[in-house]
Amino acid sequence: MTSPAPAPTATRATRSTVAVAVVVAIVGALGYQSWAASSSSLPHGPRADSVPAAGPEGIPRPAQDGPRQHLPPGDDDRAGDGAGGVAGGVVPGGVTVFDDEFPAVSELDPALLTALHRAAEDAAPGGVTFYVNSGWRSPEYQDQLRREATSRYGSEKEAARWVATADTSRHVSGDAVDLGGSDAVAWLSSYGAGYGLCQVYRNEPWHFELRPDAVDRGCPGMYADPTHDPRLQQ
């Protein structure tokens, strides 16, 4: 007697298991591709536009979003005014440390101007421009500024905190520059020592002079104002 053929239960179960495994594998592969595509579009670390521009030797520059610095007293908007006008050291708006057609820039001490050029070139990629509010001044222009400061502040004593006499002014000798814009002032306050460029007076953060030793030793402490500067006491 011939035995009946066994039911194909085991075979069907095996085929079902294989089919399910294939489906799972396909779904898993599609899911991974979708995840990979979406994850590749996610940022990895800080956004490029959130990283501050670099200062010298790649040091990040601090963000400059605050209000602009006040202009040095007596030096704002004087393109056609002042003793001798532009020839006497008056600076029109928009002049930079590279604009040597203006005596206020070209008459600065050559070493100071070279340091300013080097610093300005390094700051430029970060969008910082070194505008000049005041540089070299003729003695006549300095005298005029002193008279105006005396009138503005009510006394010679108070005026001396802001404007030196023509005999002692570091501007008249070509040894000082007043920069415009809070970004340039902040950039140099952070990195200026590397170029020998230092702030001198706490009440005039825009006023910079050349201190060659600062490259190795850092900038010296600042005077409260020009009346505390022994170089100006005559």
C-alpha atoms as a PDB file:
ATOM      1  CA  MET A   1       0.000   0.000   0.000  1.00  0.00           C
ATOM      2  CA  THR A   2       1.415   3.334  -0.963  1.00  0.00           C
ATOM      3  CA  SER A   3       1.651   5.961   1.833  1.00  0.00           C
ATOM      4  CA  PRO A   4       0.072   9.378   1.113  1.00  0.00           C
ATOM      5  CA  ALA A   5       2.449  12.325   0.407  1.00  0.00           C
ATOM      6  CA  PRO A   6       3.137  14.486   3.509  1.00  0.00           C
ATOM      7  CA  ALA A   7       1.479  17.906   3.700  1.00  0.00           C
ATOM      8  CA  PRO A   8       3.800  20.787   2.543  1.00  0.00           C
ATOM      9  CA  THR A   9       3.408  22.663   5.842  1.00  0.00           C
ATOM     10  CA  ALA A  10       7.105  22.931   6.603  1.00  0.00           C
ATOM     11  CA  THR A  11       7.932  24.095   3.084  1.00  0.00           C
ATOM     12  CA  ARG A  12       5.256  26.813   3.153  1.00  0.00           C
ATOM     13  CA  ALA A  13       6.479  28.018   6.563  1.00  0.00           C
ATOM     14  CA  THR A  14      10.037  28.244   5.312  1.00  0.00           C
ATOM     15  CA  ARG A  15       8.989  30.225   2.270  1.00  0.00           C
ATOM     16  CA  SER A  16       6.943  32.634   4.413  1.00  0.00           C
ATOM     17  CA  THR A  17       9.878  33.228   6.724  1.00  0.00           C
ATOM     18  CA  VAL A  18      12.170  33.986   3.788  1.00  0.00           C
ATOM     19  CA  ALA A  19       9.640  36.393   2.279  1.00  0.00           C
ATOM     20  CA  VAL A  20       9.253  38.291   5.544  1.00  0.00           C
ATOM     21  CA  ALA A  21      13.013  38.551   5.933  1.00  0.00           C
ATOM     22  CA  VAL A  22      13.360  39.962   2.423  1.00  0.00           C
ATOM     23  CA  VAL A  23      10.670  42.576   3.076  1.00  0.00           C
ATOM     24  CA  VAL A  24      12.306  43.595   6.349  1.00  0.00           C
ATOM     25  CA  ALA A  25      15.669  43.920   4.650  1.00  0.00           C
ATOM     26  CA  ILE A  26      14.232  46.097   1.885  1.00  0.00           C
ATOM     27  CA  VAL A  27      12.411  48.344   4.344  1.00  0.00           C
ATOM     28  CA  GLY A  28      15.549  48.623   6.465  1.00  0.00           C
ATOM     29  CA  ALA A  29      17.665  49.568   3.468  1.00  0.00           C
ATOM     30  CA  LEU A  30      15.195  52.223   2.340  1.00  0.00           C
ATOM     31  CA  GLY A  31      14.971  53.582   5.854  1.00  0.00           C
ATOM     32  CA  TYR A  32      18.738  53.867   6.161  1.00  0.00           C
ATOM     33  CA  GLN A  33      19.019  55.675   2.819  1.00  0.00           C
ATOM     34  CA  SER A  34      16.327  58.145   3.903  1.00  0.00           C
ATOM     35  CA  TRP A  35      18.052  58.744   7.250  1.00  0.00           C
ATOM     36  CA  ALA A  36      21.458  59.146   5.608  1.00  0.00           C
ATOM     37  CA  ALA A  37      20.125  61.664   3.119  1.00  0.00           C
ATOM     38  CA  SER A  38      18.440  63.733   5.812  1.00  0.00           C
ATOM     39  CA  SER A  39      21.366  63.543   8.224  1.00  0.00           C
ATOM     40  CA  SER A  40      23.823  64.684   5.558  1.00  0.00           C
ATOM     41  CA  SER A  41      21.898  67.958   5.329  1.00  0.00           C
ATOM     42  CA  LEU A  42      22.172  68.647   9.061  1.00  0.00           C
ATOM     43  CA  PRO A  43      24.904  71.051  10.283  1.00  0.00           C
ATOM     44  CA  HIS A  44      27.949  69.404  11.839  1.00  0.00           C
ATOM     45  CA  GLY A  45      29.216  71.941  14.390  1.00  0.00           C
ATOM     46  CA  PRO A  46      28.783  75.743  14.352  1.00  0.00           C
ATOM     47  CA  ARG A  47      27.474  77.473  11.261  1.00  0.00           C
ATOM     48  CA  ALA A  48      30.162  79.226   9.272  1.00  0.00           C
ATOM     49  CA  ASP A  49      28.402  82.564   9.580  1.00  0.00           C
ATOM     50  CA  SER A  50      28.321  82.259  13.378  1.00  0.00           C
ATOM     51  CA  VAL A  51      32.102  81.987  13.716  1.00  0.00           C
ATOM     52  CA  PRO A  52      33.833  85.348  14.310  1.00  0.00           C
ATOM     53  CA  ALA A  53      36.253  86.505  11.640  1.00  0.00           C
ATOM     54  CA  ALA A  54      39.870  85.751  12.389  1.00  0.00           C
ATOM     55  CA  GLY A  55      42.306  88.180  13.910  1.00  0.00           C
ATOM     56  CA  PRO A  56      46.067  87.857  13.562  1.00  0.00           C
ATOM     57  CA  GLU A  57      47.304  84.278  13.380  1.00  0.00           C
ATOM     58  CA  GLY A  58      43.750  82.936  13.249  1.00  0.00           C
ATOM     59  CA  ILE A  59      42.604  84.284  16.626  1.00  0.00           C
ATOM     60  CA  PRO A  60      38.818  84.834  16.472  1.00  0.00           C
ATOM     61  CA  ARG A  61      37.763  88.452  16.416  1.00  0.00           C
ATOM     62  CA  PRO A  62      35.173  89.415  19.045  1.00  0.00           C
ATOM     63  CA  ALA A  63      31.742  90.233  17.662  1.00  0.00           C
ATOM     64  CA  GLN A  64      31.199  93.947  17.055  1.00  0.00           C
ATOM     65  CA  ASP A  65      27.476  94.577  17.292  1.00  0.00           C
ATOM     66  CA  GLY A  66      27.471  97.431  19.777  1.00  0.00           C
ATOM     67  CA  PRO A  67      27.005 101.143  19.127  1.00  0.00           C
ATOM     68  CA  ARG A  68      29.707 103.049  17.316  1.00  0.00           C
ATOM     69  CA  GLN A  69      32.235 104.947  19.381  1.00  0.00           C
ATOM     70  CA  HIS A  70      31.770 108.638  19.917  1.00  0.00           C
ATOM     71  CA  LEU A  71      33.983 110.722  17.685  1.00  0.00           C
ATOM     72  CA  PRO A  72      36.950 112.495  19.255  1.00  0.00           C
ATOM     73  CA  PRO A  73      35.787 115.889  20.564  1.00  0.00           C
ATOM     74  CA  GLY A  74      36.111 118.646  17.995  1.00  0.00           C
ATOM     75  CA  ASP A  75      37.052 116.424  15.038  1.00  0.00           C
ATOM     76  CA  ASP A  76      33.691 115.497  13.562  1.00  0.00           C
ATOM     77  CA  ASP A  77      32.488 116.712  10.156  1.00  0.00           C
ATOM     78  CA  ARG A  78      35.160 119.357   9.546  1.00  0.00           C
ATOM     79  CA  ALA A  79      36.069 118.682   5.918  1.00  0.00           C
ATOM     80  CA  GLY A  80      35.779 122.351   4.968  1.00  0.00           C
ATOM     81  CA  ASP A  81      36.438 123.884   8.372  1.00  0.00           C
ATOM     82  CA  GLY A  82      39.373 124.232  10.716  1.00  0.00           C
ATOM     83  CA  ALA A  83      42.636 126.118  10.471  1.00  0.00           C
ATOM     84  CA  GLY A  84      43.981 125.306   7.007  1.00  0.00           C
ATOM     85  CA  GLY A  85      41.188 122.835   6.185  1.00  0.00           C
ATOM     86  CA  VAL A  86      42.358 119.484   4.845  1.00  0.00           C
ATOM     87  CA  ALA A  87      45.888 120.862   4.426  1.00  0.00           C
ATOM     88  CA  GLY A  88      45.956 121.542   8.166  1.00  0.00           C
ATOM     89  CA  GLY A  89      44.842 118.055   9.140  1.00  0.00           C
ATOM     90  CA  VAL A  90      41.055 118.192   8.878  1.00  0.00           C
ATOM     91  CA  VAL A  91      39.715 114.775   7.864  1.00  0.00           C
ATOM     92  CA  PRO A  92      36.637 114.341   5.636  1.00  0.00           C
ATOM     93  CA  GLY A  93      34.378 111.365   6.216  1.00  0.00           C
ATOM     94  CA  GLY A  94      35.384 107.969   4.868  1.00  0.00           C
ATOM     95  CA  VAL A  95      39.180 108.444   4.977  1.00  0.00           C
ATOM     96  CA  THR A  96      41.122 105.283   5.834  1.00  0.00           C
ATOM     97  CA  VAL A  97      44.694 104.674   6.909  1.00  0.00           C
ATOM     98  CA  PHE A  98      45.546 103.960   3.260  1.00  0.00           C
ATOM     99  CA  ASP A  99      44.385 107.347   1.950  1.00  0.00           C
ATOM    100  CA  ASP A 100      47.747 109.088   1.965  1.00  0.00           C
ATOM    101  CA  GLU A 101      46.563 111.918  -0.263  1.00  0.00           C
ATOM    102  CA  PHE A 102      45.332 113.515   2.956  1.00  0.00           C
ATOM    103  CA  PRO A 103      48.021 115.180   5.108  1.00  0.00           C
ATOM    104  CA  ALA A 104      46.313 113.869   8.259  1.00  0.00           C
ATOM    105  CA  VAL A 105      47.403 110.415   7.067  1.00  0.00           C
ATOM    106  CA  SER A 106      50.559 111.066   5.042  1.00  0.00           C
ATOM    107  CA  GLU A 107      52.166 113.217   7.741  1.00  0.00           C
ATOM    108  CA  LEU A 108      51.914 110.530  10.396  1.00  0.00           C
ATOM    109  CA  ASP A 109      55.173 109.045  11.623  1.00  0.00           C
ATOM    110  CA  PRO A 110      56.222 106.454   8.997  1.00  0.00           C
ATOM    111  CA  ALA A 111      56.631 103.670  11.554  1.00  0.00           C
ATOM    112  CA  LEU A 112      53.172 104.348  12.993  1.00  0.00           C
ATOM    113  CA  LEU A 113      51.634 104.382   9.527  1.00  0.00           C
ATOM    114  CA  THR A 114      53.351 101.116   8.572  1.00  0.00           C
ATOM    115  CA  ALA A 115      52.000  99.437  11.704  1.00  0.00           C
ATOM    116  CA  LEU A 116      48.511 100.736  10.927  1.00  0.00           C
ATOM    117  CA  HIS A 117      48.731  99.381   7.385  1.00  0.00           C
ATOM    118  CA  ARG A 118      49.779  95.937   8.590  1.00  0.00           C
ATOM    119  CA  ALA A 119      47.021  95.774  11.174  1.00  0.00           C
ATOM    120  CA  ALA A 120      44.391  97.072   8.746  1.00  0.00           C
ATOM    121  CA  GLU A 121      45.349  94.451   6.160  1.00  0.00           C
ATOM    122  CA  ASP A 122      44.962  91.673   8.728  1.00  0.00           C
ATOM    123  CA  ALA A 123      41.642  93.029   9.995  1.00  0.00           C
ATOM    124  CA  ALA A 124      40.118  93.532   6.539  1.00  0.00           C
ATOM    125  CA  PRO A 125      39.083  89.882   5.901  1.00  0.00           C
ATOM    126  CA  GLY A 126      36.851  90.166   8.960  1.00  0.00           C
ATOM    127  CA  GLY A 127      35.081  93.188   7.519  1.00  0.00           C
ATOM    128  CA  VAL A 128      36.902  95.717   9.711  1.00  0.00           C
ATOM    129  CA  THR A 129      38.010  99.006   8.147  1.00  0.00           C
ATOM    130  CA  PHE A 130      40.374 101.453   9.844  1.00  0.00           C
ATOM    131  CA  TYR A 131      38.772 104.841   9.309  1.00  0.00           C
ATOM    132  CA  VAL A 132      40.724 107.902  10.417  1.00  0.00           C
ATOM    133  CA  ASN A 133      38.854 110.502  12.443  1.00  0.00           C
ATOM    134  CA  SER A 134      42.015 112.473  13.114  1.00  0.00           C
ATOM    135  CA  GLY A 135      45.706 111.986  12.502  1.00  0.00           C
ATOM    136  CA  TRP A 136      48.424 114.573  11.995  1.00  0.00           C
ATOM    137  CA  ARG A 137      47.331 118.146  12.775  1.00  0.00           C
ATOM    138  CA  SER A 138      48.946 121.479  12.134  1.00  0.00           C
ATOM    139  CA  PRO A 139      49.708 123.592  15.227  1.00  0.00           C
ATOM    140  CA  GLU A 140      47.059 126.073  14.073  1.00  0.00           C
ATOM    141  CA  TYR A 141      44.412 123.399  13.856  1.00  0.00           C
ATOM    142  CA  GLN A 142      45.388 122.033  17.261  1.00  0.00           C
ATOM    143  CA  ASP A 143      45.104 125.518  18.776  1.00  0.00           C
ATOM    144  CA  GLN A 144      41.638 125.851  17.273  1.00  0.00           C
ATOM    145  CA  LEU A 145      40.548 122.528  18.726  1.00  0.00           C
ATOM    146  CA  ARG A 146      41.859 123.542  22.125  1.00  0.00           C
ATOM    147  CA  ARG A 147      39.895 126.804  22.043  1.00  0.00           C
ATOM    148  CA  GLU A 148      36.741 124.972  21.009  1.00  0.00           C
ATOM    149  CA  ALA A 149      37.214 122.386  23.775  1.00  0.00           C
ATOM    150  CA  THR A 150      37.617 125.169  26.336  1.00  0.00           C
ATOM    151  CA  SER A 151      34.368 126.694  25.128  1.00  0.00           C
ATOM    152  CA  ARG A 152      32.591 123.351  25.090  1.00  0.00           C
ATOM    153  CA  TYR A 153      33.720 122.162  28.517  1.00  0.00           C
ATOM    154  CA  GLY A 154      33.760 125.516  30.247  1.00  0.00           C
ATOM    155  CA  SER A 155      37.382 125.679  31.403  1.00  0.00           C
ATOM    156  CA  GLU A 156      40.984 125.110  30.329  1.00  0.00           C
ATOM    157  CA  LYS A 157      41.314 122.459  33.028  1.00  0.00           C
ATOM    158  CA  GLU A 158      38.466 120.344  31.669  1.00  0.00           C
ATOM    159  CA  ALA A 159      39.483 120.947  28.054  1.00  0.00           C
ATOM    160  CA  ALA A 160      42.948 119.575  28.856  1.00  0.00           C
ATOM    161  CA  ARG A 161      41.370 116.176  29.522  1.00  0.00           C
ATOM    162  CA  TRP A 162      40.485 115.974  25.832  1.00  0.00           C
ATOM    163  CA  VAL A 163      42.703 118.240  23.764  1.00  0.00           C
ATOM    164  CA  ALA A 164      46.398 118.935  24.341  1.00  0.00           C
ATOM    165  CA  THR A 165      48.140 122.166  23.462  1.00  0.00           C
ATOM    166  CA  ALA A 166      49.910 122.490  20.126  1.00  0.00           C
ATOM    167  CA  ASP A 167      53.259 122.360  21.934  1.00  0.00           C
ATOM    168  CA  THR A 168      52.567 118.958  23.487  1.00  0.00           C
ATOM    169  CA  SER A 169      50.051 117.268  21.204  1.00  0.00           C
ATOM    170  CA  ARG A 170      50.995 113.853  19.889  1.00  0.00           C
ATOM    171  CA  HIS A 171      48.882 114.646  16.841  1.00  0.00           C
ATOM    172  CA  VAL A 172      50.954 117.682  15.926  1.00  0.00           C
ATOM    173  CA  SER A 173      54.103 115.566  16.061  1.00  0.00           C
ATOM    174  CA  GLY A 174      52.438 112.876  13.910  1.00  0.00           C
ATOM    175  CA  ASP A 175      52.654 110.253  16.641  1.00  0.00           C
ATOM    176  CA  ALA A 176      48.953 109.594  17.256  1.00  0.00           C
ATOM    177  CA  VAL A 177      45.854 108.610  15.318  1.00  0.00           C
ATOM    178  CA  ASP A 178      42.190 108.634  16.315  1.00  0.00           C
ATOM    179  CA  LEU A 179      40.275 105.812  14.644  1.00  0.00           C
ATOM    180  CA  GLY A 180      36.573 105.830  13.867  1.00  0.00           C
ATOM    181  CA  GLY A 181      34.177 102.937  14.326  1.00  0.00           C
ATOM    182  CA  SER A 182      33.733 100.642  17.313  1.00  0.00           C
ATOM    183  CA  ASP A 183      34.777  97.591  15.281  1.00  0.00           C
ATOM    184  CA  ALA A 184      38.242  98.954  14.488  1.00  0.00           C
ATOM    185  CA  VAL A 185      38.730 100.187  18.053  1.00  0.00           C
ATOM    186  CA  ALA A 186      37.669  96.827  19.495  1.00  0.00           C
ATOM    187  CA  TRP A 187      39.848  94.887  17.038  1.00  0.00           C
ATOM    188  CA  LEU A 188      42.935  96.885  17.937  1.00  0.00           C
ATOM    189  CA  SER A 189      42.185  96.787  21.637  1.00  0.00           C
ATOM    190  CA  SER A 190      42.379  92.989  21.321  1.00  0.00           C
ATOM    191  CA  TYR A 191      45.204  92.577  18.807  1.00  0.00           C
ATOM    192  CA  GLY A 192      46.953  95.943  18.525  1.00  0.00           C
ATOM    193  CA  ALA A 193      49.835  95.025  20.818  1.00  0.00           C
ATOM    194  CA  GLY A 194      51.021  92.523  18.208  1.00  0.00           C
ATOM    195  CA  TYR A 195      51.639  95.478  15.901  1.00  0.00           C
ATOM    196  CA  GLY A 196      52.907  97.834  18.580  1.00  0.00           C
ATOM    197  CA  LEU A 197      49.637  99.805  18.470  1.00  0.00           C
ATOM    198  CA  CYS A 198      48.323 100.750  21.895  1.00  0.00           C
ATOM    199  CA  GLN A 199      45.521 102.737  23.454  1.00  0.00           C
ATOM    200  CA  VAL A 200      46.953 105.440  25.694  1.00  0.00           C
ATOM    201  CA  TYR A 201      44.039 107.145  27.462  1.00  0.00           C
ATOM    202  CA  ARG A 202      41.069 105.452  29.106  1.00  0.00           C
ATOM    203  CA  ASN A 203      38.783 108.343  28.237  1.00  0.00           C
ATOM    204  CA  GLU A 204      39.845 108.207  24.569  1.00  0.00           C
ATOM    205  CA  PRO A 205      39.654 104.557  23.460  1.00  0.00           C
ATOM    206  CA  TRP A 206      39.939 105.666  19.830  1.00  0.00           C
ATOM    207  CA  HIS A 207      43.410 107.219  20.381  1.00  0.00           C
ATOM    208  CA  PHE A 208      46.319 104.931  19.374  1.00  0.00           C
ATOM    209  CA  GLU A 209      50.075 105.431  19.438  1.00  0.00           C
ATOM    210  CA  LEU A 210      53.026 103.262  18.482  1.00  0.00           C
ATOM    211  CA  ARG A 211      54.722 101.335  21.293  1.00  0.00           C
ATOM    212  CA  PRO A 212      57.265  99.025  19.613  1.00  0.00           C
ATOM    213  CA  ASP A 213      58.014  97.187  22.880  1.00  0.00           C
ATOM    214  CA  ALA A 214      54.375  96.104  23.073  1.00  0.00           C
ATOM    215  CA  VAL A 215      55.036  93.432  20.451  1.00  0.00           C
ATOM    216  CA  ASP A 216      56.983  91.452  23.072  1.00  0.00           C
ATOM    217  CA  ARG A 217      55.725  92.895  26.368  1.00  0.00           C
ATOM    218  CA  GLY A 218      52.164  93.955  25.681  1.00  0.00           C
ATOM    219  CA  CYS A 219      50.770  97.458  25.886  1.00  0.00           C
ATOM    220  CA  PRO A 220      51.535  99.461  29.027  1.00  0.00           C
ATOM    221  CA  GLY A 221      48.776 100.614  31.336  1.00  0.00           C
ATOM    222  CA  MET A 222      46.676 103.510  30.132  1.00  0.00           C
ATOM    223  CA  TYR A 223      46.511 106.983  31.651  1.00  0.00           C
ATOM    224  CA  ALA A 224      43.110 108.100  32.889  1.00  0.00           C
ATOM    225  CA  ASP A 225      43.264 111.054  30.481  1.00  0.00           C
ATOM    226  CA  PRO A 226      45.913 113.334  28.924  1.00  0.00           C
ATOM    227  CA  THR A 227      46.295 115.380  32.111  1.00  0.00           C
ATOM    228  CA  HIS A 228      47.959 112.326  33.699  1.00  0.00           C
ATOM    229  CA  ASP A 229      50.436 111.877  30.844  1.00  0.00           C
ATOM    230  CA  PRO A 230      53.852 113.232  31.941  1.00  0.00           C
ATOM    231  CA  ARG A 231      54.854 113.761  28.298  1.00  0.00           C
ATOM    232  CA  LEU A 232      52.231 116.487  28.002  1.00  0.00           C
ATOM    233  CA  GLN A 233      53.080 118.374  31.173  1.00  0.00           C
ATOM    234  CA  GLN A 234      55.017 121.475  30.177  1.00  0.00           C
END
